[in-house]
Amino acid sequence: MDSYYCIVNLPGVPVRDICVLDAASDAAANQALEQVARRWAGFETLYLYCGERMVTVLSNPALGFAEPLPDLPLADVRFATAA
């Protein structure tokens, strides 16, 4: 079972915050997302996911959509293998 979570983008902040939502359906997750939007004054965008599936993108009407972050190079990434 996948969990619902949202990625919170703040203006001018290169780091994103993740908020896990207590929801069992898309409708309940969208309601929970509205509560997150009320608590995070000044958010730029909220991206709601269920696992890897994007459900909703909520934009702060006063700020618009966040600029996408540049891709990070994978040169120094090491992948572990399960034993």
C-alpha atoms as a PDB file:
ATOM      1  CA  MET A   1       0.000   0.000   0.000  1.00  0.00           C
ATOM      2  CA  ASP A   2       1.418   3.368  -1.020  1.00  0.00           C
ATOM      3  CA  SER A   3       1.430   6.352   1.311  1.00  0.00           C
ATOM      4  CA  TYR A   4       0.212   9.832   0.503  1.00  0.00           C
ATOM      5  CA  TYR A   5       2.744  12.597   0.958  1.00  0.00           C
ATOM      6  CA  CYS A   6       3.354  16.078  -0.325  1.00  0.00           C
ATOM      7  CA  ILE A   7       6.502  17.929  -1.284  1.00  0.00           C
ATOM      8  CA  VAL A   8       6.486  21.509  -0.022  1.00  0.00           C
ATOM      9  CA  ASN A   9       8.348  24.127  -2.055  1.00  0.00           C
ATOM     10  CA  LEU A  10       9.153  27.426  -0.362  1.00  0.00           C
ATOM     11  CA  PRO A  11      10.162  30.555  -2.306  1.00  0.00           C
ATOM     12  CA  GLY A  12      13.898  30.923  -2.788  1.00  0.00           C
ATOM     13  CA  VAL A  13      14.723  27.770  -0.814  1.00  0.00           C
ATOM     14  CA  PRO A  14      16.680  25.096  -2.702  1.00  0.00           C
ATOM     15  CA  VAL A  15      15.633  22.374  -0.240  1.00  0.00           C
ATOM     16  CA  ARG A  16      12.196  20.821  -0.335  1.00  0.00           C
ATOM     17  CA  ASP A  17      10.289  19.551   2.697  1.00  0.00           C
ATOM     18  CA  ILE A  18       8.188  16.376   2.719  1.00  0.00           C
ATOM     19  CA  CYS A  19       4.960  16.016   4.675  1.00  0.00           C
ATOM     20  CA  VAL A  20       3.285  12.592   5.068  1.00  0.00           C
ATOM     21  CA  LEU A  21      -0.526  12.729   5.030  1.00  0.00           C
ATOM     22  CA  ASP A  22      -2.973  10.550   6.941  1.00  0.00           C
ATOM     23  CA  ALA A  23      -5.276   9.598   4.063  1.00  0.00           C
ATOM     24  CA  ALA A  24      -6.657   6.456   2.444  1.00  0.00           C
ATOM     25  CA  SER A  25      -7.994   7.926  -0.831  1.00  0.00           C
ATOM     26  CA  ASP A  26      -7.256  10.707  -3.285  1.00  0.00           C
ATOM     27  CA  ALA A  27     -10.231  12.714  -1.994  1.00  0.00           C
ATOM     28  CA  ALA A  28      -9.086  12.440   1.644  1.00  0.00           C
ATOM     29  CA  ALA A  29      -5.506  13.286   0.619  1.00  0.00           C
ATOM     30  CA  ASN A  30      -6.687  16.404  -1.233  1.00  0.00           C
ATOM     31  CA  GLN A  31      -8.555  17.519   1.908  1.00  0.00           C
ATOM     32  CA  ALA A  32      -5.436  16.914   3.991  1.00  0.00           C
ATOM     33  CA  LEU A  33      -3.419  18.877   1.413  1.00  0.00           C
ATOM     34  CA  GLU A  34      -5.729  21.869   1.902  1.00  0.00           C
ATOM     35  CA  GLN A  35      -4.961  21.731   5.642  1.00  0.00           C
ATOM     36  CA  VAL A  36      -1.215  21.622   4.895  1.00  0.00           C
ATOM     37  CA  ALA A  37      -1.622  24.694   2.670  1.00  0.00           C
ATOM     38  CA  ARG A  38      -3.281  26.580   5.544  1.00  0.00           C
ATOM     39  CA  ARG A  39      -0.479  25.610   7.969  1.00  0.00           C
ATOM     40  CA  TRP A  40       2.421  26.416   5.595  1.00  0.00           C
ATOM     41  CA  ALA A  41       1.938  30.138   5.133  1.00  0.00           C
ATOM     42  CA  GLY A  42       4.103  31.327   2.269  1.00  0.00           C
ATOM     43  CA  PHE A  43       4.420  27.990   0.453  1.00  0.00           C
ATOM     44  CA  GLU A  44       5.106  28.233  -3.263  1.00  0.00           C
ATOM     45  CA  THR A  45       3.759  24.876  -4.452  1.00  0.00           C
ATOM     46  CA  LEU A  46       2.591  21.624  -2.880  1.00  0.00           C
ATOM     47  CA  TYR A  47       2.984  18.433  -4.894  1.00  0.00           C
ATOM     48  CA  LEU A  48       0.727  15.593  -3.685  1.00  0.00           C
ATOM     49  CA  TYR A  49       1.812  12.021  -4.431  1.00  0.00           C
ATOM     50  CA  CYS A  50       0.532   8.535  -3.723  1.00  0.00           C
ATOM     51  CA  GLY A  51       3.687   6.471  -3.899  1.00  0.00           C
ATOM     52  CA  GLU A  52       5.237   7.583  -7.191  1.00  0.00           C
ATOM     53  CA  ARG A  53       1.920   8.700  -8.745  1.00  0.00           C
ATOM     54  CA  MET A  54       1.325  12.452  -8.785  1.00  0.00           C
ATOM     55  CA  VAL A  55      -2.190  13.274  -7.602  1.00  0.00           C
ATOM     56  CA  THR A  56      -2.375  17.082  -7.366  1.00  0.00           C
ATOM     57  CA  VAL A  57      -0.240  20.199  -7.616  1.00  0.00           C
ATOM     58  CA  LEU A  58      -1.414  23.121  -5.510  1.00  0.00           C
ATOM     59  CA  SER A  59       0.083  26.515  -6.236  1.00  0.00           C
ATOM     60  CA  ASN A  60       0.003  29.525  -3.926  1.00  0.00           C
ATOM     61  CA  PRO A  61      -2.032  32.040  -5.961  1.00  0.00           C
ATOM     62  CA  ALA A  62       0.105  34.893  -4.652  1.00  0.00           C
ATOM     63  CA  LEU A  63       3.385  33.294  -5.813  1.00  0.00           C
ATOM     64  CA  GLY A  64       2.745  31.040  -8.825  1.00  0.00           C
ATOM     65  CA  PHE A  65       4.703  27.896  -9.613  1.00  0.00           C
ATOM     66  CA  ALA A  66       8.195  27.185  -8.329  1.00  0.00           C
ATOM     67  CA  GLU A  67      11.145  27.139 -10.687  1.00  0.00           C
ATOM     68  CA  PRO A  68      12.327  23.566 -11.301  1.00  0.00           C
ATOM     69  CA  LEU A  69      15.541  22.591  -9.560  1.00  0.00           C
ATOM     70  CA  PRO A  70      18.467  21.697 -11.813  1.00  0.00           C
ATOM     71  CA  ASP A  71      19.332  18.023 -12.170  1.00  0.00           C
ATOM     72  CA  LEU A  72      22.130  16.865  -9.906  1.00  0.00           C
ATOM     73  CA  PRO A  73      25.037  14.962 -11.434  1.00  0.00           C
ATOM     74  CA  LEU A  74      25.061  11.248 -10.653  1.00  0.00           C
ATOM     75  CA  ALA A  75      28.839  10.905 -10.889  1.00  0.00           C
ATOM     76  CA  ASP A  76      29.305  10.562  -7.126  1.00  0.00           C
ATOM     77  CA  VAL A  77      26.230   8.425  -6.451  1.00  0.00           C
ATOM     78  CA  ARG A  78      26.924   4.862  -5.357  1.00  0.00           C
ATOM     79  CA  PHE A  79      24.242   2.220  -5.414  1.00  0.00           C
ATOM     80  CA  ALA A  80      24.204  -0.482  -2.775  1.00  0.00           C
ATOM     81  CA  THR A  81      23.148  -4.014  -3.629  1.00  0.00           C
ATOM     82  CA  ALA A  82      21.164  -6.252  -1.348  1.00  0.00           C
ATOM     83  CA  ALA A  83      22.974  -9.255   0.047  1.00  0.00           C
END
